[in-house]
Protein backbone atom coordinates (compact mmCIF):
# COMPACT_ATOMS: atom_id res chain seq x y z
CA UNK A 1 44.39 -18.21 -42.04
CA UNK A 2 45.30 -14.76 -43.47
CA UNK A 3 43.20 -12.13 -42.76
CA UNK A 4 41.08 -10.18 -45.61
CA UNK A 5 38.13 -8.34 -43.69
CA UNK A 6 40.49 -5.34 -44.41
CA UNK A 7 42.60 -4.76 -47.40
CA UNK A 8 45.85 -6.43 -46.58
CA UNK A 9 48.69 -3.89 -45.98
CA UNK A 10 50.75 -6.44 -48.05
CA UNK A 11 50.49 -9.27 -50.84
CA UNK A 12 49.27 -12.47 -49.62
CA UNK A 13 52.05 -14.29 -51.37
CA UNK A 14 54.58 -11.93 -49.28
CA UNK A 15 52.63 -12.88 -46.09
CA UNK A 16 53.30 -16.50 -46.85
CA UNK A 17 57.09 -15.67 -47.37
CA UNK A 18 57.36 -13.90 -44.52
CA UNK A 19 55.81 -16.42 -42.09
CA UNK A 20 58.79 -19.20 -43.81
CA UNK A 21 61.41 -16.92 -42.87
CA UNK A 22 60.04 -16.38 -39.48
CA UNK A 23 60.00 -20.37 -39.32
CA UNK A 24 63.83 -20.69 -40.43
CA UNK A 25 64.99 -17.69 -38.28
CA UNK A 26 63.45 -19.22 -35.22
CA UNK A 27 64.98 -22.15 -36.07
CA UNK A 28 61.94 -24.37 -36.38
CA UNK A 29 62.71 -25.37 -39.99
CA UNK A 30 66.34 -25.79 -40.24
CA UNK A 31 68.87 -26.20 -43.05
CA UNK A 32 67.79 -29.20 -45.03
CA UNK A 33 64.35 -29.43 -43.48
CA UNK A 34 61.56 -30.18 -45.86
CA UNK A 35 58.80 -27.07 -45.84
CA UNK A 36 55.49 -27.78 -45.83
CA UNK A 37 54.13 -29.10 -49.16
CA UNK A 38 52.02 -26.53 -51.43
CA UNK A 39 48.93 -28.53 -50.49
CA UNK A 40 49.47 -27.99 -47.18
CA UNK A 41 50.25 -24.48 -47.27
CA UNK A 42 47.35 -23.81 -49.44
CA UNK A 43 45.11 -25.29 -46.51
CA UNK A 44 46.65 -23.67 -43.72
CA UNK A 45 46.36 -19.95 -45.49
CA UNK A 46 43.42 -20.65 -47.35
CA UNK A 47 44.49 -18.97 -50.80
CA UNK A 48 45.38 -20.43 -54.14
CA UNK A 49 47.88 -22.60 -54.95
CA UNK A 50 49.45 -20.03 -57.73
CA UNK A 51 49.64 -17.34 -54.68
CA UNK A 52 51.85 -20.43 -52.45
CA UNK A 53 53.82 -20.85 -55.78
CA UNK A 54 54.57 -17.05 -55.95
CA UNK A 55 55.99 -17.26 -52.73
CA UNK A 56 57.98 -20.39 -52.54
CA UNK A 57 59.16 -19.09 -55.95
CA UNK A 58 60.61 -15.88 -54.65
CA UNK A 59 62.15 -17.37 -51.58
CA UNK A 60 63.76 -19.91 -53.71
CA UNK A 61 65.04 -17.18 -55.89
CA UNK A 62 66.29 -15.40 -52.99
CA UNK A 63 68.61 -18.81 -52.08
CA UNK A 64 66.02 -19.29 -48.73
CA UNK A 65 64.69 -22.81 -50.40
CA UNK A 66 66.05 -25.15 -52.63
CA UNK A 67 63.06 -27.56 -54.86
CA UNK A 68 64.30 -30.91 -55.77
CA UNK A 69 62.11 -32.58 -58.28
CA UNK A 70 59.64 -35.24 -57.22
CA UNK A 71 60.70 -34.96 -54.01
CA UNK A 72 59.39 -31.16 -52.58
CA UNK A 73 60.88 -27.97 -51.25
CA UNK A 74 63.88 -27.81 -48.77
CA UNK A 75 65.69 -25.03 -46.86
CA UNK A 76 68.77 -24.51 -48.29
CA UNK A 77 72.16 -25.27 -46.78
CA UNK A 78 74.17 -22.21 -46.72
CA UNK A 79 76.91 -22.55 -49.05
CA UNK A 80 80.53 -22.57 -48.12
CA UNK A 81 82.45 -19.42 -49.51
CA UNK A 82 86.15 -20.12 -50.72
CA UNK A 83 88.81 -17.25 -50.92
CA UNK A 84 90.82 -17.56 -54.09
CA UNK A 85 93.77 -16.19 -52.47
CA UNK A 86 94.46 -19.22 -50.13
CA UNK A 87 96.08 -21.64 -50.92
CA UNK A 88 94.00 -24.49 -49.11
CA UNK A 89 92.88 -28.30 -49.26
CA UNK A 90 89.21 -29.31 -49.06
CA UNK A 91 89.80 -30.70 -45.72
CA UNK A 92 91.08 -27.59 -44.25
CA UNK A 93 88.39 -25.40 -45.72
CA UNK A 94 85.74 -27.44 -44.27
CA UNK A 95 87.62 -27.89 -40.68
CA UNK A 96 87.80 -24.25 -40.37
CA UNK A 97 84.29 -23.73 -40.93
CA UNK A 98 83.24 -26.32 -38.52
CA UNK A 99 82.01 -28.86 -40.72
CA UNK A 100 83.27 -32.58 -40.70
CA UNK A 101 85.25 -33.70 -44.13
CA UNK A 102 85.18 -36.65 -45.65
CA UNK A 103 86.09 -38.55 -49.31
CA UNK A 104 85.07 -41.53 -50.86
CA UNK A 105 87.50 -43.02 -53.06
CA UNK A 106 85.86 -43.92 -56.27
CA UNK A 107 88.97 -44.75 -59.07
CA UNK A 108 92.91 -44.76 -58.32
CA UNK A 109 95.37 -45.91 -60.51
CA UNK A 110 98.68 -45.17 -62.83
CA UNK A 111 97.91 -44.06 -66.04
CA UNK A 112 100.03 -42.19 -68.99
CA UNK A 113 99.78 -38.63 -68.68
CA UNK A 114 97.94 -37.80 -71.73
CA UNK A 115 97.75 -34.64 -73.81
CA UNK A 116 95.90 -32.45 -70.67
CA UNK A 117 97.68 -33.43 -68.03
CA UNK A 118 101.45 -33.55 -69.25
CA UNK A 119 100.85 -30.02 -70.47
CA UNK A 120 99.27 -29.13 -67.25
CA UNK A 121 102.74 -30.73 -65.53
CA UNK A 122 105.34 -30.37 -67.80
CA UNK A 123 106.02 -34.05 -68.41
CA UNK A 124 105.83 -36.19 -71.32
CA UNK A 125 102.32 -37.22 -72.64
CA UNK A 126 103.83 -40.86 -71.90
CA UNK A 127 105.01 -40.87 -68.03
CA UNK A 128 103.16 -42.34 -65.67
CA UNK A 129 100.63 -40.21 -63.52
CA UNK A 130 98.72 -41.23 -60.41
CA UNK A 131 94.91 -40.37 -60.88
CA UNK A 132 92.52 -40.25 -58.01
CA UNK A 133 88.74 -39.88 -58.44
CA UNK A 134 87.07 -38.94 -54.93
CA UNK A 135 83.48 -37.80 -53.82
CA UNK A 136 84.32 -35.17 -51.32
CA UNK A 137 81.90 -34.56 -48.42
CA UNK A 138 81.00 -32.39 -45.80
CA UNK A 139 79.02 -33.23 -42.99
CA UNK A 140 78.20 -36.64 -45.15
CA UNK A 141 76.76 -34.76 -48.05
CA UNK A 142 78.37 -34.45 -51.37
CA UNK A 143 79.95 -31.46 -52.16
CA UNK A 144 82.82 -31.79 -55.00
CA UNK A 145 83.56 -34.37 -57.34
CA UNK A 146 87.54 -34.46 -57.31
CA UNK A 147 90.09 -35.56 -59.96
CA UNK A 148 93.86 -35.31 -59.23
CA UNK A 149 96.60 -36.25 -61.09
CA UNK A 150 100.34 -36.66 -59.30
CA UNK A 151 103.43 -37.60 -60.87
CA UNK A 152 104.28 -41.11 -60.26
CA UNK A 153 107.54 -40.37 -59.36
CA UNK A 154 106.89 -37.72 -56.91
CA UNK A 155 104.57 -40.26 -54.49
CA UNK A 156 105.79 -43.82 -54.79
CA UNK A 157 103.27 -46.34 -53.21
CA UNK A 158 100.75 -43.57 -52.72
CA UNK A 159 97.86 -46.01 -53.64
CA UNK A 160 98.90 -48.17 -50.61
CA UNK A 161 98.04 -45.28 -48.14
CA UNK A 162 94.65 -44.08 -46.93
CA UNK A 163 93.22 -41.56 -49.70
CA UNK A 164 90.09 -40.84 -48.16
CA UNK A 165 91.76 -37.76 -45.76
CA UNK A 166 93.89 -34.59 -46.79
CA UNK A 167 96.08 -35.23 -49.63
CA UNK A 168 97.89 -32.52 -49.28
CA UNK A 169 99.13 -33.50 -45.34
CA UNK A 170 99.85 -37.00 -46.88
CA UNK A 171 101.92 -35.31 -49.33
CA UNK A 172 103.54 -33.20 -46.76
CA UNK A 173 104.26 -36.07 -43.99
CA UNK A 174 105.41 -39.18 -46.31
CA UNK A 175 107.17 -37.45 -49.30
CA UNK A 176 108.26 -33.98 -47.70
CA UNK A 177 106.42 -32.13 -50.14
CA UNK A 178 105.87 -28.63 -49.40
CA UNK A 179 102.85 -26.94 -52.05
CA UNK A 180 103.88 -23.24 -52.27
CA UNK A 181 101.92 -21.81 -55.03
CA UNK A 182 99.13 -22.41 -57.46
CA UNK A 183 97.23 -21.21 -60.93
CA UNK A 184 93.64 -21.89 -61.05
CA UNK A 185 90.73 -21.04 -63.31
CA UNK A 186 86.96 -21.52 -62.92
CA UNK A 187 84.11 -21.92 -65.15
CA UNK A 188 80.56 -22.75 -65.16
CA UNK A 189 79.37 -26.37 -66.50
CA UNK A 190 76.60 -28.39 -66.30
CA UNK A 191 76.24 -31.71 -64.64
CA UNK A 192 76.43 -35.22 -66.88
CA UNK A 193 74.16 -37.38 -65.80
CA UNK A 194 77.17 -39.44 -63.75
CA UNK A 195 77.87 -36.62 -62.34
CA UNK A 196 74.74 -35.56 -61.51
CA UNK A 197 74.12 -38.77 -59.65
CA UNK A 198 77.23 -38.79 -57.44
CA UNK A 199 76.61 -35.25 -56.41
CA UNK A 200 72.76 -35.59 -56.05
CA UNK A 201 71.57 -33.15 -58.44
CA UNK A 202 69.21 -33.37 -61.42
CA UNK A 203 71.52 -33.93 -64.68
CA UNK A 204 72.19 -30.29 -66.71
CA UNK A 205 72.36 -28.70 -62.92
CA UNK A 206 75.13 -25.73 -62.59
CA UNK A 207 78.44 -26.76 -61.07
CA UNK A 208 81.45 -24.87 -61.25
CA UNK A 209 84.46 -26.28 -62.76
CA UNK A 210 88.18 -25.16 -60.62
CA UNK A 211 90.89 -26.39 -62.65
CA UNK A 212 94.12 -26.05 -60.34
CA UNK A 213 98.03 -26.56 -61.19
CA UNK A 214 100.14 -26.55 -57.60
CA UNK A 215 103.60 -25.99 -57.49
CA UNK A 216 106.09 -26.48 -54.40
CA UNK A 217 108.65 -24.59 -53.35
CA UNK A 218 111.17 -25.42 -56.08
CA UNK A 219 108.60 -24.48 -59.03
CA UNK A 220 108.11 -27.96 -59.80
CA UNK A 221 104.20 -28.81 -61.01
CA UNK A 222 103.28 -31.40 -58.37
CA UNK A 223 99.06 -31.55 -58.76
CA UNK A 224 96.79 -31.41 -61.37
CA UNK A 225 93.46 -31.06 -60.39
CA UNK A 226 89.80 -30.71 -61.71
CA UNK A 227 87.23 -29.82 -59.36
CA UNK A 228 83.56 -30.06 -59.89
CA UNK A 229 81.78 -28.15 -57.27
CA UNK A 230 77.76 -27.76 -56.63
CA UNK A 231 76.54 -24.51 -57.51
CA UNK A 232 74.24 -24.78 -54.82
CA UNK A 233 76.75 -25.65 -52.33
CA UNK A 234 79.74 -23.57 -52.91
CA UNK A 235 80.72 -20.37 -54.11
CA UNK A 236 84.40 -18.78 -54.41
CA UNK A 237 85.32 -15.08 -53.28
CA UNK A 238 88.39 -12.62 -54.09
CA UNK A 239 89.25 -9.35 -53.18
CA UNK A 240 90.63 -7.05 -55.66
CA UNK A 241 92.79 -4.18 -55.65
CA UNK A 242 92.60 -1.17 -58.44
CA UNK A 243 95.99 -0.78 -59.73
CA UNK A 244 97.34 2.35 -61.11
CA UNK A 245 95.12 5.72 -61.28
CA UNK A 246 91.98 5.53 -63.91
CA UNK A 247 88.79 7.57 -64.42
CA UNK A 248 86.28 7.58 -61.68
């Protein structure tokens, strides 16, 4: 119960925030755990539900909590940070962070390149490409929805391989394709109904769309990939250098 016999040094909602943060920092509430309901917190601290909601909104805005419609409020899972300067695979990123990577192969086949893919890979629109759609997991939880296109002549028989692991490793070991550089763009989009179901988010939730064209040592475009990352699970970082002299 919160003490009100004397003027409180801090607002009541802030005291609830501080208590929840202490539970998180002490490990009593871990990432992914469901916190007590609004009703339980209201009874525990003998405050109004409005006060509890204010505390939860503040912690949600600060990234400590995540509200799931119809289920409750949970301790946020720390975001995975990917530097934009390094050309690494999803599998490599997860291993480097001590997480277990995984994939669910949703669709795989050979199709004509089409306009967008042909432009990205520098081939004709009718040239065959291998199309892979995979749901990427970290510690068993959805992180990204990835659609990859590869020139079919680059990787004959790849559809018979295990496509749930590192694609970059498979290309290197089986086909001798050494990736050297890539161009990449990022933009914010909203989840469609299908994307939301696969990624475990609500329809319209913010996603990060990453488009990448990867080239080998000879400069040939060998991969065109569109990845949708959960906005609440991933963030990208980069280091920028100021070139030349300018105004202070």
